[in-house]
Amino acid sequence: MDPEILPLLCDPLTHVPLELTSGPGGRAELVNPASGKTYPIRDGIAIFLDQADATGHNQRYQRLYDRLAPLYDLSMQTYAILKSGGLRKRRMEYLREMEIEPGDCVLEVSVGTGANWQ
């Protein structure tokens, strides 16, 4: 996790600033020093809501999205082949339009199954 981002993060429930620590196995995590609540960091991204914590409508929709994800990716690949010569070409066109250069970091939120990172 980028140390410059840490001052921007707070506990989503209490809004207390978080501290970066080493958790079990030496893995990085964020901790609320007031409550002791911890949030894991996976691939440099803080996880504030684990799938296991989802309830109600969120849990139902998560299960639905998990079932549809393989079909979604396949349909997007097929569409990209037919419409623009393939998924890689289509993604590169988007990146060019956004003026993203090699080595830039981008946070893409709520877009499909997250396959665009490849």
Protein backbone atom coordinates (compact mmCIF):
# COMPACT_ATOMS: atom_id res chain seq x y z
CA MET A 1 0.00 0.00 0.00
CA ASP A 2 1.26 3.44 -0.94
CA PRO A 3 2.20 5.30 2.28
CA GLU A 4 0.87 8.57 0.80
CA ILE A 5 -2.64 7.10 0.78
CA LEU A 6 -2.66 6.11 4.47
CA PRO A 7 -3.57 9.58 5.83
CA LEU A 8 -6.66 9.55 3.59
CA LEU A 9 -8.05 6.32 5.06
CA CYS A 10 -10.27 5.99 8.10
CA ASP A 11 -12.42 3.31 9.68
CA PRO A 12 -15.65 3.25 7.64
CA LEU A 13 -17.76 2.83 10.80
CA THR A 14 -16.10 5.19 13.28
CA HIS A 15 -14.09 7.51 10.97
CA VAL A 16 -11.01 7.06 13.20
CA PRO A 17 -7.74 7.33 11.21
CA LEU A 18 -6.18 3.93 10.56
CA GLU A 19 -2.62 2.74 11.16
CA LEU A 20 -0.63 0.37 8.98
CA THR A 21 0.60 -2.71 10.88
CA SER A 22 1.79 -6.25 10.29
CA GLY A 23 -0.81 -8.89 11.02
CA PRO A 24 -0.62 -12.67 11.22
CA GLY A 25 2.13 -14.07 9.03
CA GLY A 26 3.61 -10.60 8.57
CA ARG A 27 0.83 -9.54 6.20
CA ALA A 28 0.07 -5.84 6.03
CA GLU A 29 -3.22 -4.68 7.48
CA LEU A 30 -4.88 -1.52 8.68
CA VAL A 31 -5.94 -1.19 12.30
CA ASN A 32 -8.23 1.20 14.14
CA PRO A 33 -6.11 2.07 17.20
CA ALA A 34 -9.19 2.97 19.25
CA SER A 35 -11.19 -0.23 18.68
CA GLY A 36 -8.57 -2.73 17.52
CA LYS A 37 -10.67 -3.54 14.41
CA THR A 38 -8.42 -4.67 11.57
CA TYR A 39 -8.81 -4.55 7.81
CA PRO A 40 -6.67 -6.78 5.59
CA ILE A 41 -4.75 -5.47 2.61
CA ARG A 42 -4.83 -7.63 -0.52
CA ASP A 43 -2.73 -6.73 -3.55
CA GLY A 44 -2.20 -3.25 -2.08
CA ILE A 45 -5.94 -2.61 -1.60
CA ALA A 46 -7.60 -2.31 1.80
CA ILE A 47 -10.58 -4.64 2.20
CA PHE A 48 -13.26 -2.87 4.24
CA LEU A 49 -16.07 -5.35 3.57
CA ASP A 50 -15.28 -9.01 3.18
CA GLN A 51 -17.73 -11.13 1.17
CA ALA A 52 -18.46 -13.16 4.30
CA ASP A 53 -19.71 -9.97 6.00
CA ALA A 54 -22.29 -9.15 3.31
CA THR A 55 -25.91 -9.58 4.40
CA GLY A 56 -29.40 -9.06 3.00
CA HIS A 57 -29.62 -7.60 -0.49
CA ASN A 58 -25.83 -7.20 -0.71
CA GLN A 59 -25.35 -10.91 -0.06
CA ARG A 60 -28.05 -11.87 -2.57
CA TYR A 61 -26.62 -9.66 -5.31
CA GLN A 62 -23.08 -10.85 -4.59
CA ARG A 63 -24.17 -14.45 -5.12
CA LEU A 64 -25.98 -13.48 -8.34
CA TYR A 65 -22.93 -11.61 -9.68
CA ASP A 66 -20.67 -14.54 -8.78
CA ARG A 67 -22.88 -16.88 -10.85
CA LEU A 68 -23.08 -14.49 -13.80
CA ALA A 69 -19.40 -13.49 -13.88
CA PRO A 70 -18.16 -16.31 -16.16
CA LEU A 71 -20.96 -15.61 -18.65
CA TYR A 72 -20.33 -11.87 -18.45
CA ASP A 73 -16.64 -12.21 -19.31
CA LEU A 74 -17.38 -14.61 -22.18
CA SER A 75 -20.06 -12.30 -23.61
CA MET A 76 -17.75 -9.27 -23.34
CA GLN A 77 -14.96 -11.14 -25.14
CA THR A 78 -17.32 -12.23 -27.91
CA TYR A 79 -18.73 -8.72 -28.32
CA ALA A 80 -15.24 -7.20 -28.42
CA ILE A 81 -14.13 -9.65 -31.12
CA LEU A 82 -17.16 -8.89 -33.26
CA LYS A 83 -17.20 -5.13 -32.68
CA SER A 84 -13.58 -4.03 -32.42
CA GLY A 85 -11.14 -6.84 -33.14
CA GLY A 86 -10.72 -8.23 -29.63
CA LEU A 87 -10.70 -7.36 -25.97
CA ARG A 88 -7.06 -6.32 -25.78
CA LYS A 89 -7.45 -3.91 -28.69
CA ARG A 90 -10.63 -2.49 -27.14
CA ARG A 91 -8.94 -1.98 -23.75
CA MET A 92 -5.91 -0.32 -25.35
CA GLU A 93 -8.24 2.13 -27.14
CA TYR A 94 -9.81 3.07 -23.79
CA LEU A 95 -6.39 3.56 -22.20
CA ARG A 96 -5.24 5.75 -25.10
CA GLU A 97 -8.35 7.92 -24.81
CA MET A 98 -7.75 8.36 -21.07
CA GLU A 99 -4.06 9.14 -21.72
CA ILE A 100 -2.91 6.41 -19.33
CA GLU A 101 0.75 5.59 -19.82
CA PRO A 102 2.67 2.37 -19.03
CA GLY A 103 3.48 2.33 -15.31
CA ASP A 104 0.53 4.54 -14.33
CA CYS A 105 -1.73 3.25 -11.55
CA VAL A 106 -5.48 3.36 -12.04
CA LEU A 107 -8.32 2.47 -9.70
CA GLU A 108 -11.27 1.16 -11.69
CA VAL A 109 -14.36 0.83 -9.52
CA SER A 110 -17.49 -1.24 -10.13
CA VAL A 111 -16.76 -2.23 -13.71
CA GLY A 112 -17.77 -5.77 -14.66
CA THR A 113 -15.76 -8.57 -13.09
CA GLY A 114 -12.52 -6.64 -12.72
CA ALA A 115 -10.89 -8.34 -15.69
CA ASN A 116 -9.51 -5.07 -17.08
CA TRP A 117 -6.42 -5.22 -14.86
CA GLN A 118 -4.83 -7.77 -17.17
